[in-house]
Every structure is written in structure tokens, then in C-alpha cells.
Amino acid sequence: MARVKRGRVRTKKRRNILKQAKGYKWGRKKKVKLAKTAIKKAGVYAYRDRRVKKRDKRALWQNIINAAVRPNGLSYSVFINKLKTNNIELDRKILAEIAEKEPKVFQLIVEKVK
């Protein structure tokens, strides 16, 4: 069998790894061995944190709704429960946005729920 020389393929692989590690600190941007592990870790963190971001947003919306509902003598949980019993299908993201930008409209929603 013929001998396989991997010069071009190996260089291309190395170049691709270092391109992905661009902007990293210290040896992780220059040394292939360190860059490989840094890229793998970065990928894991990116995947995980895309889910964590969703979690954090939902918690933020809940806090905003709770703060907007409190002056009307309701708690967040009671408000959400009453929304469901009255078949008002607004999600937390929209409710939080209305509470922030259109307080009068949010007030009408609260009155309808009570």
C-alpha cells in the first residue's frame, strides 16, 4: 500500500482549532493541545447556558409580574391561578412586558381577573 502523508490535512485541522480559540487567554489561543480542551469546555458551557438563560428569563418575568400585582392586593401565585380559572391565556413574557410598558392595560387585566 502507498504511504499516506497527512501534512495538509493535519495543518488544516490545527488551523481550524486555533481559529475557534481566537480571543482566548494565555496559551489556549496558541497551543493546539490547550485550545482543544478550551473549545470543548466552551461548547459545553454554551449548550448548558442556553437552557439556563431560559430559566433566568422566566424567573425575571415572574418577579416583574409579582411586583406589578402586589399594589392590587394579589400575590403572583393567586394572580396566575385566577388567570387560568378565567381562561385568560397570556404567557408570563407578555404579561411582564405589559406590566412594564403599559401599566394601565395591566391594571385592566388585574381588574378583570378579580
PDB file of N, CA and C in Angstrom:
ATOM      1  N   MET A   1       0.831  -1.196   0.000  1.00  0.00           N
ATOM      2  CA  MET A   1       0.000   0.000   0.000  1.00  0.00           C
ATOM      3  C   MET A   1       0.870   1.252   0.000  1.00  0.00           C
ATOM      4  N   ALA A   2       0.290   2.284  -0.551  1.00  0.00           N
ATOM      5  CA  ALA A   2       1.021   3.548  -0.646  1.00  0.00           C
ATOM      6  C   ALA A   2       1.051   4.238   0.706  1.00  0.00           C
ATOM      7  N   ARG A   3       2.080   5.015   0.892  1.00  0.00           N
ATOM      8  CA  ARG A   3       2.234   5.761   2.135  1.00  0.00           C
ATOM      9  C   ARG A   3       1.336   7.001   2.092  1.00  0.00           C
ATOM     10  N   VAL A   4       0.665   7.278   3.219  1.00  0.00           N
ATOM     11  CA  VAL A   4      -0.228   8.439   3.285  1.00  0.00           C
ATOM     12  C   VAL A   4       0.457   9.531   4.082  1.00  0.00           C
ATOM     13  N   LYS A   5       0.624  10.662   3.440  1.00  0.00           N
ATOM     14  CA  LYS A   5       1.207  11.814   4.140  1.00  0.00           C
ATOM     15  C   LYS A   5       0.059  12.739   4.537  1.00  0.00           C
ATOM     16  N   ARG A   6       0.046  13.153   5.779  1.00  0.00           N
ATOM     17  CA  ARG A   6      -1.096  13.917   6.286  1.00  0.00           C
ATOM     18  C   ARG A   6      -0.783  15.399   6.521  1.00  0.00           C
ATOM     19  N   GLY A   7       0.230  15.899   5.890  1.00  0.00           N
ATOM     20  CA  GLY A   7       0.656  17.278   6.117  1.00  0.00           C
ATOM     21  C   GLY A   7      -0.452  18.304   5.969  1.00  0.00           C
ATOM     22  N   ARG A   8      -1.126  18.293   4.828  1.00  0.00           N
ATOM     23  CA  ARG A   8      -2.150  19.298   4.561  1.00  0.00           C
ATOM     24  C   ARG A   8      -3.366  19.150   5.478  1.00  0.00           C
ATOM     25  N   VAL A   9      -3.805  17.927   5.648  1.00  0.00           N
ATOM     26  CA  VAL A   9      -4.979  17.654   6.482  1.00  0.00           C
ATOM     27  C   VAL A   9      -4.723  18.069   7.930  1.00  0.00           C
ATOM     28  N   ARG A  10      -3.557  17.697   8.419  1.00  0.00           N
ATOM     29  CA  ARG A  10      -3.216  17.997   9.810  1.00  0.00           C
ATOM     30  C   ARG A  10      -3.097  19.508  10.037  1.00  0.00           C
ATOM     31  N   THR A  11      -2.480  20.186   9.078  1.00  0.00           N
ATOM     32  CA  THR A  11      -2.335  21.641   9.194  1.00  0.00           C
ATOM     33  C   THR A  11      -3.702  22.320   9.198  1.00  0.00           C
ATOM     34  N   LYS A  12      -4.568  21.833   8.307  1.00  0.00           N
ATOM     35  CA  LYS A  12      -5.911  22.415   8.209  1.00  0.00           C
ATOM     36  C   LYS A  12      -6.680  22.223   9.522  1.00  0.00           C
ATOM     37  N   LYS A  13      -6.561  21.034  10.106  1.00  0.00           N
ATOM     38  CA  LYS A  13      -7.223  20.725  11.374  1.00  0.00           C
ATOM     39  C   LYS A  13      -6.735  21.659  12.484  1.00  0.00           C
ATOM     40  N   ARG A  14      -5.400  21.793  12.544  1.00  0.00           N
ATOM     41  CA  ARG A  14      -4.790  22.641  13.562  1.00  0.00           C
ATOM     42  C   ARG A  14      -5.247  24.094  13.398  1.00  0.00           C
ATOM     43  N   ARG A  15      -5.242  24.549  12.145  1.00  0.00           N
ATOM     44  CA  ARG A  15      -5.621  25.927  11.857  1.00  0.00           C
ATOM     45  C   ARG A  15      -7.082  26.180  12.276  1.00  0.00           C
ATOM     46  N   ASN A  16      -7.932  25.192  12.014  1.00  0.00           N
ATOM     47  CA  ASN A  16      -9.347  25.313  12.364  1.00  0.00           C
ATOM     48  C   ASN A  16      -9.533  25.409  13.875  1.00  0.00           C
ATOM     49  N   ILE A  17      -8.796  24.581  14.615  1.00  0.00           N
ATOM     50  CA  ILE A  17      -8.878  24.599  16.079  1.00  0.00           C
ATOM     51  C   ILE A  17      -8.429  25.951  16.622  1.00  0.00           C
ATOM     52  N   LEU A  18      -7.308  26.450  16.110  1.00  0.00           N
ATOM     53  CA  LEU A  18      -6.781  27.728  16.594  1.00  0.00           C
ATOM     54  C   LEU A  18      -7.687  28.899  16.192  1.00  0.00           C
ATOM     55  N   LYS A  19      -8.367  28.747  15.068  1.00  0.00           N
ATOM     56  CA  LYS A  19      -9.307  29.790  14.642  1.00  0.00           C
ATOM     57  C   LYS A  19     -10.489  29.860  15.618  1.00  0.00           C
ATOM     58  N   GLN A  20     -10.944  28.686  16.081  1.00  0.00           N
ATOM     59  CA  GLN A  20     -12.055  28.641  17.038  1.00  0.00           C
ATOM     60  C   GLN A  20     -11.648  29.201  18.397  1.00  0.00           C
ATOM     61  N   ALA A  21     -10.364  29.061  18.733  1.00  0.00           N
ATOM     62  CA  ALA A  21      -9.875  29.501  20.045  1.00  0.00           C
ATOM     63  C   ALA A  21      -9.405  30.949  20.023  1.00  0.00           C
ATOM     64  N   LYS A  22      -9.679  31.654  18.955  1.00  0.00           N
ATOM     65  CA  LYS A  22      -9.236  33.043  18.828  1.00  0.00           C
ATOM     66  C   LYS A  22      -9.880  33.885  19.935  1.00  0.00           C
ATOM     67  N   GLY A  23      -9.083  34.692  20.583  1.00  0.00           N
ATOM     68  CA  GLY A  23      -9.594  35.553  21.642  1.00  0.00           C
ATOM     69  C   GLY A  23      -9.475  34.957  23.031  1.00  0.00           C
ATOM     70  N   TYR A  24      -9.068  33.691  23.121  1.00  0.00           N
ATOM     71  CA  TYR A  24      -8.879  33.075  24.430  1.00  0.00           C
ATOM     72  C   TYR A  24      -7.598  33.602  25.045  1.00  0.00           C
ATOM     73  N   LYS A  25      -7.472  33.476  26.365  1.00  0.00           N
ATOM     74  CA  LYS A  25      -6.297  33.992  27.064  1.00  0.00           C
ATOM     75  C   LYS A  25      -5.163  32.984  27.080  1.00  0.00           C
ATOM     76  N   TRP A  26      -3.979  33.508  27.267  1.00  0.00           N
ATOM     77  CA  TRP A  26      -2.760  32.736  27.503  1.00  0.00           C
ATOM     78  C   TRP A  26      -2.496  31.698  26.419  1.00  0.00           C
ATOM     79  N   GLY A  27      -2.067  30.508  26.806  1.00  0.00           N
ATOM     80  CA  GLY A  27      -1.662  29.510  25.816  1.00  0.00           C
ATOM     81  C   GLY A  27      -2.825  28.873  25.083  1.00  0.00           C
ATOM     82  N   ARG A  28      -4.032  29.085  25.586  1.00  0.00           N
ATOM     83  CA  ARG A  28      -5.184  28.427  24.979  1.00  0.00           C
ATOM     84  C   ARG A  28      -5.488  28.946  23.578  1.00  0.00           C
ATOM     85  N   LYS A  29      -4.932  30.091  23.224  1.00  0.00           N
ATOM     86  CA  LYS A  29      -5.157  30.602  21.866  1.00  0.00           C
ATOM     87  C   LYS A  29      -4.041  30.209  20.904  1.00  0.00           C
ATOM     88  N   LYS A  30      -2.909  29.723  21.450  1.00  0.00           N
ATOM     89  CA  LYS A  30      -1.744  29.442  20.604  1.00  0.00           C
ATOM     90  C   LYS A  30      -1.384  27.964  20.533  1.00  0.00           C
ATOM     91  N   LYS A  31      -1.663  27.226  21.605  1.00  0.00           N
ATOM     92  CA  LYS A  31      -1.237  25.834  21.686  1.00  0.00           C
ATOM     93  C   LYS A  31      -2.426  24.910  21.417  1.00  0.00           C
ATOM     94  N   VAL A  32      -2.242  24.026  20.454  1.00  0.00           N
ATOM     95  CA  VAL A  32      -3.343  23.185  19.985  1.00  0.00           C
ATOM     96  C   VAL A  32      -3.900  22.315  21.097  1.00  0.00           C
ATOM     97  N   LYS A  33      -3.029  21.726  21.903  1.00  0.00           N
ATOM     98  CA  LYS A  33      -3.467  20.832  22.968  1.00  0.00           C
ATOM     99  C   LYS A  33      -4.373  21.570  23.972  1.00  0.00           C
ATOM    100  N   LEU A  34      -3.969  22.772  24.343  1.00  0.00           N
ATOM    101  CA  LEU A  34      -4.772  23.565  25.280  1.00  0.00           C
ATOM    102  C   LEU A  34      -6.022  24.114  24.599  1.00  0.00           C
ATOM    103  N   ALA A  35      -5.902  24.471  23.339  1.00  0.00           N
ATOM    104  CA  ALA A  35      -7.033  25.032  22.599  1.00  0.00           C
ATOM    105  C   ALA A  35      -8.161  24.008  22.462  1.00  0.00           C
ATOM    106  N   LYS A  36      -7.781  22.745  22.215  1.00  0.00           N
ATOM    107  CA  LYS A  36      -8.789  21.682  22.054  1.00  0.00           C
ATOM    108  C   LYS A  36      -9.674  21.566  23.285  1.00  0.00           C
ATOM    109  N   THR A  37      -9.033  21.487  24.458  1.00  0.00           N
ATOM    110  CA  THR A  37      -9.818  21.339  25.692  1.00  0.00           C
ATOM    111  C   THR A  37     -10.652  22.584  25.965  1.00  0.00           C
ATOM    112  N   ALA A  38     -10.086  23.753  25.659  1.00  0.00           N
ATOM    113  CA  ALA A  38     -10.808  25.008  25.900  1.00  0.00           C
ATOM    114  C   ALA A  38     -12.044  25.085  25.018  1.00  0.00           C
ATOM    115  N   ILE A  39     -11.929  24.642  23.768  1.00  0.00           N
ATOM    116  CA  ILE A  39     -13.063  24.679  22.842  1.00  0.00           C
ATOM    117  C   ILE A  39     -14.152  23.711  23.292  1.00  0.00           C
ATOM    118  N   LYS A  40     -13.739  22.518  23.727  1.00  0.00           N
ATOM    119  CA  LYS A  40     -14.729  21.535  24.214  1.00  0.00           C
ATOM    120  C   LYS A  40     -15.495  22.090  25.408  1.00  0.00           C
ATOM    121  N   LYS A  41     -14.760  22.664  26.349  1.00  0.00           N
ATOM    122  CA  LYS A  41     -15.391  23.234  27.551  1.00  0.00           C
ATOM    123  C   LYS A  41     -16.337  24.366  27.167  1.00  0.00           C
ATOM    124  N   ALA A  42     -15.870  25.219  26.251  1.00  0.00           N
ATOM    125  CA  ALA A  42     -16.690  26.355  25.822  1.00  0.00           C
ATOM    126  C   ALA A  42     -17.995  25.871  25.208  1.00  0.00           C
ATOM    127  N   GLY A  43     -17.910  24.784  24.427  1.00  0.00           N
ATOM    128  CA  GLY A  43     -19.109  24.219  23.811  1.00  0.00           C
ATOM    129  C   GLY A  43     -20.085  23.694  24.845  1.00  0.00           C
ATOM    130  N   VAL A  44     -19.553  23.045  25.860  1.00  0.00           N
ATOM    131  CA  VAL A  44     -20.396  22.501  26.940  1.00  0.00           C
ATOM    132  C   VAL A  44     -21.091  23.639  27.683  1.00  0.00           C
ATOM    133  N   TYR A  45     -20.320  24.692  28.003  1.00  0.00           N
ATOM    134  CA  TYR A  45     -20.899  25.830  28.710  1.00  0.00           C
ATOM    135  C   TYR A  45     -21.956  26.527  27.860  1.00  0.00           C
ATOM    136  N   ALA A  46     -21.694  26.663  26.569  1.00  0.00           N
ATOM    137  CA  ALA A  46     -22.637  27.331  25.675  1.00  0.00           C
ATOM    138  C   ALA A  46     -23.948  26.558  25.618  1.00  0.00           C
ATOM    139  N   TYR A  47     -23.853  25.234  25.495  1.00  0.00           N
ATOM    140  CA  TYR A  47     -25.038  24.377  25.430  1.00  0.00           C
ATOM    141  C   TYR A  47     -25.840  24.482  26.729  1.00  0.00           C
ATOM    142  N   ARG A  48     -25.137  24.381  27.848  1.00  0.00           N
ATOM    143  CA  ARG A  48     -25.796  24.436  29.155  1.00  0.00           C
ATOM    144  C   ARG A  48     -26.464  25.789  29.379  1.00  0.00           C
ATOM    145  N   ASP A  49     -25.723  26.851  29.063  1.00  0.00           N
ATOM    146  CA  ASP A  49     -26.212  28.187  29.399  1.00  0.00           C
ATOM    147  C   ASP A  49     -27.324  28.679  28.490  1.00  0.00           C
ATOM    148  N   ARG A  50     -27.501  28.038  27.324  1.00  0.00           N
ATOM    149  CA  ARG A  50     -28.671  28.378  26.519  1.00  0.00           C
ATOM    150  C   ARG A  50     -29.942  27.962  27.250  1.00  0.00           C
ATOM    151  N   ARG A  51     -29.853  26.902  28.018  1.00  0.00           N
ATOM    152  CA  ARG A  51     -31.003  26.463  28.814  1.00  0.00           C
ATOM    153  C   ARG A  51     -31.151  27.296  30.092  1.00  0.00           C
ATOM    154  N   VAL A  52     -30.029  27.626  30.709  1.00  0.00           N
ATOM    155  CA  VAL A  52     -30.040  28.436  31.937  1.00  0.00           C
ATOM    156  C   VAL A  52     -30.629  29.819  31.642  1.00  0.00           C
ATOM    157  N   LYS A  53     -30.327  30.348  30.452  1.00  0.00           N
ATOM    158  CA  LYS A  53     -30.836  31.666  30.061  1.00  0.00           C
ATOM    159  C   LYS A  53     -32.364  31.668  30.073  1.00  0.00           C
ATOM    160  N   LYS A  54     -32.963  30.601  29.563  1.00  0.00           N
ATOM    161  CA  LYS A  54     -34.426  30.486  29.545  1.00  0.00           C
ATOM    162  C   LYS A  54     -34.984  30.483  30.976  1.00  0.00           C
ATOM    163  N   ARG A  55     -34.282  29.757  31.847  1.00  0.00           N
ATOM    164  CA  ARG A  55     -34.678  29.677  33.249  1.00  0.00           C
ATOM    165  C   ARG A  55     -34.639  31.054  33.908  1.00  0.00           C
ATOM    166  N   ASP A  56     -33.543  31.774  33.668  1.00  0.00           N
ATOM    167  CA  ASP A  56     -33.356  33.095  34.271  1.00  0.00           C
ATOM    168  C   ASP A  56     -34.401  34.089  33.785  1.00  0.00           C
ATOM    169  N   LYS A  57     -34.711  34.032  32.491  1.00  0.00           N
ATOM    170  CA  LYS A  57     -35.716  34.944  31.922  1.00  0.00           C
ATOM    171  C   LYS A  57     -37.075  34.713  32.577  1.00  0.00           C
ATOM    172  N   ARG A  58     -37.454  33.443  32.715  1.00  0.00           N
ATOM    173  CA  ARG A  58     -38.749  33.128  33.307  1.00  0.00           C
ATOM    174  C   ARG A  58     -38.825  33.633  34.751  1.00  0.00           C
ATOM    175  N   ALA A  59     -37.748  33.474  35.501  1.00  0.00           N
ATOM    176  CA  ALA A  59     -37.708  33.955  36.886  1.00  0.00           C
ATOM    177  C   ALA A  59     -37.844  35.478  36.926  1.00  0.00           C
ATOM    178  N   LEU A  60     -37.218  36.151  35.973  1.00  0.00           N
ATOM    179  CA  LEU A  60     -37.308  37.611  35.891  1.00  0.00           C
ATOM    180  C   LEU A  60     -38.736  38.052  35.601  1.00  0.00           C
ATOM    181  N   TRP A  61     -39.385  37.368  34.644  1.00  0.00           N
ATOM    182  CA  TRP A  61     -40.773  37.703  34.319  1.00  0.00           C
ATOM    183  C   TRP A  61     -41.677  37.515  35.533  1.00  0.00           C
ATOM    184  N   GLN A  62     -41.432  36.462  36.291  1.00  0.00           N
ATOM    185  CA  GLN A  62     -42.243  36.199  37.483  1.00  0.00           C
ATOM    186  C   GLN A  62     -42.083  37.324  38.500  1.00  0.00           C
ATOM    187  N   ASN A  63     -40.849  37.796  38.685  1.00  0.00           N
ATOM    188  CA  ASN A  63     -40.611  38.900  39.623  1.00  0.00           C
ATOM    189  C   ASN A  63     -41.294  40.187  39.172  1.00  0.00           C
ATOM    190  N   ILE A  64     -41.240  40.466  37.876  1.00  0.00           N
ATOM    191  CA  ILE A  64     -41.863  41.684  37.345  1.00  0.00           C
ATOM    192  C   ILE A  64     -43.379  41.634  37.546  1.00  0.00           C
ATOM    193  N   ILE A  65     -43.982  40.486  37.236  1.00  0.00           N
ATOM    194  CA  ILE A  65     -45.431  40.337  37.397  1.00  0.00           C
ATOM    195  C   ILE A  65     -45.814  40.461  38.862  1.00  0.00           C
ATOM    196  N   ASN A  66     -45.048  39.824  39.733  1.00  0.00           N
ATOM    197  CA  ASN A  66     -45.320  39.884  41.172  1.00  0.00           C
ATOM    198  C   ASN A  66     -45.277  41.329  41.674  1.00  0.00           C
ATOM    199  N   ALA A  67     -44.262  42.080  41.238  1.00  0.00           N
ATOM    200  CA  ALA A  67     -44.128  43.477  41.667  1.00  0.00           C
ATOM    201  C   ALA A  67     -45.287  44.329  41.151  1.00  0.00           C
ATOM    202  N   ALA A  68     -45.786  44.000  39.959  1.00  0.00           N
ATOM    203  CA  ALA A  68     -46.889  44.782  39.392  1.00  0.00           C
ATOM    204  C   ALA A  68     -48.235  44.435  40.019  1.00  0.00           C
ATOM    205  N   VAL A  69     -48.361  43.207  40.519  1.00  0.00           N
ATOM    206  CA  VAL A  69     -49.640  42.733  41.066  1.00  0.00           C
ATOM    207  C   VAL A  69     -49.808  43.097  42.537  1.00  0.00           C
ATOM    208  N   ARG A  70     -48.719  43.202  43.268  1.00  0.00           N
ATOM    209  CA  ARG A  70     -48.762  43.458  44.713  1.00  0.00           C
ATOM    210  C   ARG A  70     -49.577  44.698  45.107  1.00  0.00           C
ATOM    211  N   PRO A  71     -49.429  45.839  44.428  1.00  0.00           N
ATOM    212  CA  PRO A  71     -50.227  47.008  44.831  1.00  0.00           C
ATOM    213  C   PRO A  71     -51.738  46.792  44.726  1.00  0.00           C
ATOM    214  N   ASN A  72     -52.159  45.791  43.953  1.00  0.00           N
ATOM    215  CA  ASN A  72     -53.582  45.493  43.793  1.00  0.00           C
ATOM    216  C   ASN A  72     -54.092  44.472  44.798  1.00  0.00           C
ATOM    217  N   GLY A  73     -53.256  44.130  45.764  1.00  0.00           N
ATOM    218  CA  GLY A  73     -53.679  43.223  46.828  1.00  0.00           C
ATOM    219  C   GLY A  73     -53.665  41.756  46.435  1.00  0.00           C
ATOM    220  N   LEU A  74     -52.917  41.397  45.409  1.00  0.00           N
ATOM    221  CA  LEU A  74     -52.796  39.998  44.999  1.00  0.00           C
ATOM    222  C   LEU A  74     -51.332  39.570  45.084  1.00  0.00           C
ATOM    223  N   SER A  75     -51.132  38.259  45.182  1.00  0.00           N
ATOM    224  CA  SER A  75     -49.773  37.745  45.069  1.00  0.00           C
ATOM    225  C   SER A  75     -49.635  37.136  43.674  1.00  0.00           C
ATOM    226  N   TYR A  76     -48.421  36.836  43.306  1.00  0.00           N
ATOM    227  CA  TYR A  76     -48.152  36.284  41.977  1.00  0.00           C
ATOM    228  C   TYR A  76     -48.914  34.982  41.761  1.00  0.00           C
ATOM    229  N   SER A  77     -48.835  34.078  42.740  1.00  0.00           N
ATOM    230  CA  SER A  77     -49.450  32.755  42.572  1.00  0.00           C
ATOM    231  C   SER A  77     -50.971  32.847  42.456  1.00  0.00           C
ATOM    232  N   VAL A  78     -51.563  33.712  43.251  1.00  0.00           N
ATOM    233  CA  VAL A  78     -53.026  33.898  43.198  1.00  0.00           C
ATOM    234  C   VAL A  78     -53.422  34.488  41.848  1.00  0.00           C
ATOM    235  N   PHE A  79     -52.644  35.451  41.384  1.00  0.00           N
ATOM    236  CA  PHE A  79     -52.918  36.106  40.098  1.00  0.00           C
ATOM    237  C   PHE A  79     -52.874  35.096  38.950  1.00  0.00           C
ATOM    238  N   ILE A  80     -51.838  34.277  38.913  1.00  0.00           N
ATOM    239  CA  ILE A  80     -51.688  33.277  37.846  1.00  0.00           C
ATOM    240  C   ILE A  80     -52.824  32.257  37.919  1.00  0.00           C
ATOM    241  N   ASN A  81     -53.187  31.867  39.133  1.00  0.00           N
ATOM    242  CA  ASN A  81     -54.282  30.909  39.310  1.00  0.00           C
ATOM    243  C   ASN A  81     -55.593  31.495  38.787  1.00  0.00           C
ATOM    244  N   LYS A  82     -55.850  32.761  39.109  1.00  0.00           N
ATOM    245  CA  LYS A  82     -57.087  33.396  38.647  1.00  0.00           C
ATOM    246  C   LYS A  82     -57.095  33.595  37.131  1.00  0.00           C
ATOM    247  N   LEU A  83     -55.925  33.849  36.559  1.00  0.00           N
ATOM    248  CA  LEU A  83     -55.832  33.940  35.096  1.00  0.00           C
ATOM    249  C   LEU A  83     -56.270  32.625  34.455  1.00  0.00           C
ATOM    250  N   LYS A  84     -55.802  31.530  35.025  1.00  0.00           N
ATOM    251  CA  LYS A  84     -56.112  30.217  34.462  1.00  0.00           C
ATOM    252  C   LYS A  84     -57.594  29.868  34.633  1.00  0.00           C
ATOM    253  N   THR A  85     -58.158  30.215  35.797  1.00  0.00           N
ATOM    254  CA  THR A  85     -59.578  29.902  36.014  1.00  0.00           C
ATOM    255  C   THR A  85     -60.488  30.744  35.117  1.00  0.00           C
ATOM    256  N   ASN A  86     -60.042  31.959  34.765  1.00  0.00           N
ATOM    257  CA  ASN A  86     -60.827  32.823  33.870  1.00  0.00           C
ATOM    258  C   ASN A  86     -60.494  32.604  32.395  1.00  0.00           C
ATOM    259  N   ASN A  87     -59.673  31.577  32.108  1.00  0.00           N
ATOM    260  CA  ASN A  87     -59.278  31.239  30.735  1.00  0.00           C
ATOM    261  C   ASN A  87     -58.636  32.396  29.971  1.00  0.00           C
ATOM    262  N   ILE A  88     -57.823  33.182  30.669  1.00  0.00           N
ATOM    263  CA  ILE A  88     -57.050  34.232  30.003  1.00  0.00           C
ATOM    264  C   ILE A  88     -55.679  33.640  29.702  1.00  0.00           C
ATOM    265  N   GLU A  89     -55.399  33.437  28.415  1.00  0.00           N
ATOM    266  CA  GLU A  89     -54.179  32.739  28.024  1.00  0.00           C
ATOM    267  C   GLU A  89     -53.097  33.730  27.586  1.00  0.00           C
ATOM    268  N   LEU A  90     -52.507  34.389  28.558  1.00  0.00           N
ATOM    269  CA  LEU A  90     -51.356  35.255  28.307  1.00  0.00           C
ATOM    270  C   LEU A  90     -50.170  34.642  29.025  1.00  0.00           C
ATOM    271  N   ASP A  91     -49.064  34.491  28.313  1.00  0.00           N
ATOM    272  CA  ASP A  91     -47.895  33.906  28.961  1.00  0.00           C
ATOM    273  C   ASP A  91     -47.155  34.950  29.798  1.00  0.00           C
ATOM    274  N   ARG A  92     -46.225  34.471  30.598  1.00  0.00           N
ATOM    275  CA  ARG A  92     -45.523  35.335  31.547  1.00  0.00           C
ATOM    276  C   ARG A  92     -44.695  36.415  30.854  1.00  0.00           C
ATOM    277  N   LYS A  93     -44.141  36.079  29.706  1.00  0.00           N
ATOM    278  CA  LYS A  93     -43.325  37.052  28.973  1.00  0.00           C
ATOM    279  C   LYS A  93     -44.174  38.253  28.571  1.00  0.00           C
ATOM    280  N   ILE A  94     -45.338  38.005  28.007  1.00  0.00           N
ATOM    281  CA  ILE A  94     -46.228  39.080  27.552  1.00  0.00           C
ATOM    282  C   ILE A  94     -46.764  39.868  28.746  1.00  0.00           C
ATOM    283  N   LEU A  95     -47.146  39.163  29.800  1.00  0.00           N
ATOM    284  CA  LEU A  95     -47.655  39.841  30.998  1.00  0.00           C
ATOM    285  C   LEU A  95     -46.603  40.773  31.594  1.00  0.00           C
ATOM    286  N   ALA A  96     -45.358  40.309  31.655  1.00  0.00           N
ATOM    287  CA  ALA A  96     -44.281  41.132  32.208  1.00  0.00           C
ATOM    288  C   ALA A  96     -44.040  42.358  31.336  1.00  0.00           C
ATOM    289  N   GLU A  97     -44.104  42.169  30.023  1.00  0.00           N
ATOM    290  CA  GLU A  97     -43.897  43.286  29.097  1.00  0.00           C
ATOM    291  C   GLU A  97     -45.018  44.323  29.239  1.00  0.00           C
ATOM    292  N   ILE A  98     -46.245  43.849  29.351  1.00  0.00           N
ATOM    293  CA  ILE A  98     -47.390  44.759  29.535  1.00  0.00           C
ATOM    294  C   ILE A  98     -47.264  45.497  30.866  1.00  0.00           C
ATOM    295  N   ALA A  99     -46.869  44.769  31.905  1.00  0.00           N
ATOM    296  CA  ALA A  99     -46.732  45.377  33.235  1.00  0.00           C
ATOM    297  C   ALA A  99     -45.693  46.494  33.222  1.00  0.00           C
ATOM    298  N   GLU A 100     -44.625  46.310  32.472  1.00  0.00           N
ATOM    299  CA  GLU A 100     -43.563  47.317  32.410  1.00  0.00           C
ATOM    300  C   GLU A 100     -43.943  48.509  31.540  1.00  0.00           C
ATOM    301  N   LYS A 101     -44.436  48.219  30.325  1.00  0.00           N
ATOM    302  CA  LYS A 101     -44.617  49.277  29.332  1.00  0.00           C
ATOM    303  C   LYS A 101     -46.010  49.898  29.321  1.00  0.00           C
ATOM    304  N   GLU A 102     -47.022  49.112  29.680  1.00  0.00           N
ATOM    305  CA  GLU A 102     -48.408  49.593  29.664  1.00  0.00           C
ATOM    306  C   GLU A 102     -49.098  49.299  31.002  1.00  0.00           C
ATOM    307  N   PRO A 103     -48.770  50.042  32.055  1.00  0.00           N
ATOM    308  CA  PRO A 103     -49.344  49.741  33.375  1.00  0.00           C
ATOM    309  C   PRO A 103     -50.876  49.845  33.420  1.00  0.00           C
ATOM    310  N   LYS A 104     -51.457  50.748  32.621  1.00  0.00           N
ATOM    311  CA  LYS A 104     -52.926  50.906  32.623  1.00  0.00           C
ATOM    312  C   LYS A 104     -53.611  49.669  32.044  1.00  0.00           C
ATOM    313  N   VAL A 105     -53.041  49.124  31.002  1.00  0.00           N
ATOM    314  CA  VAL A 105     -53.585  47.908  30.394  1.00  0.00           C
ATOM    315  C   VAL A 105     -53.449  46.743  31.370  1.00  0.00           C
ATOM    316  N   PHE A 106     -52.320  46.680  32.054  1.00  0.00           N
ATOM    317  CA  PHE A 106     -52.110  45.618  33.040  1.00  0.00           C
ATOM    318  C   PHE A 106     -53.126  45.752  34.175  1.00  0.00           C
ATOM    319  N   GLN A 107     -53.406  46.980  34.546  1.00  0.00           N
ATOM    320  CA  GLN A 107     -54.402  47.240  35.595  1.00  0.00           C
ATOM    321  C   GLN A 107     -55.768  46.693  35.182  1.00  0.00           C
ATOM    322  N   LEU A 108     -56.117  46.879  33.908  1.00  0.00           N
ATOM    323  CA  LEU A 108     -57.390  46.358  33.398  1.00  0.00           C
ATOM    324  C   LEU A 108     -57.424  44.827  33.455  1.00  0.00           C
ATOM    325  N   ILE A 109     -56.310  44.199  33.136  1.00  0.00           N
ATOM    326  CA  ILE A 109     -56.225  42.739  33.211  1.00  0.00           C
ATOM    327  C   ILE A 109     -56.440  42.267  34.646  1.00  0.00           C
ATOM    328  N   VAL A 110     -55.800  42.958  35.592  1.00  0.00           N
ATOM    329  CA  VAL A 110     -55.938  42.600  37.009  1.00  0.00           C
ATOM    330  C   VAL A 110     -57.384  42.766  37.474  1.00  0.00           C
ATOM    331  N   GLU A 111     -58.013  43.851  37.058  1.00  0.00           N
ATOM    332  CA  GLU A 111     -59.416  44.105  37.438  1.00  0.00           C
ATOM    333  C   GLU A 111     -60.325  43.014  36.874  1.00  0.00           C
ATOM    334  N   LYS A 112     -60.079  42.612  35.651  1.00  0.00           N
ATOM    335  CA  LYS A 112     -60.898  41.566  35.018  1.00  0.00           C
ATOM    336  C   LYS A 112     -60.734  40.237  35.757  1.00  0.00           C
ATOM    337  N   VAL A 113     -59.525  39.977  36.224  1.00  0.00           N
ATOM    338  CA  VAL A 113     -59.243  38.721  36.926  1.00  0.00           C
ATOM    339  C   VAL A 113     -59.920  38.701  38.295  1.00  0.00           C
ATOM    340  N   LYS A 114     -59.903  39.842  38.985  1.00  0.00           N
ATOM    341  CA  LYS A 114     -60.500  39.902  40.328  1.00  0.00           C
ATOM    342  C   LYS A 114     -61.985  39.672  40.210  1.00  0.00           C
TER     343      LYS A 114
END
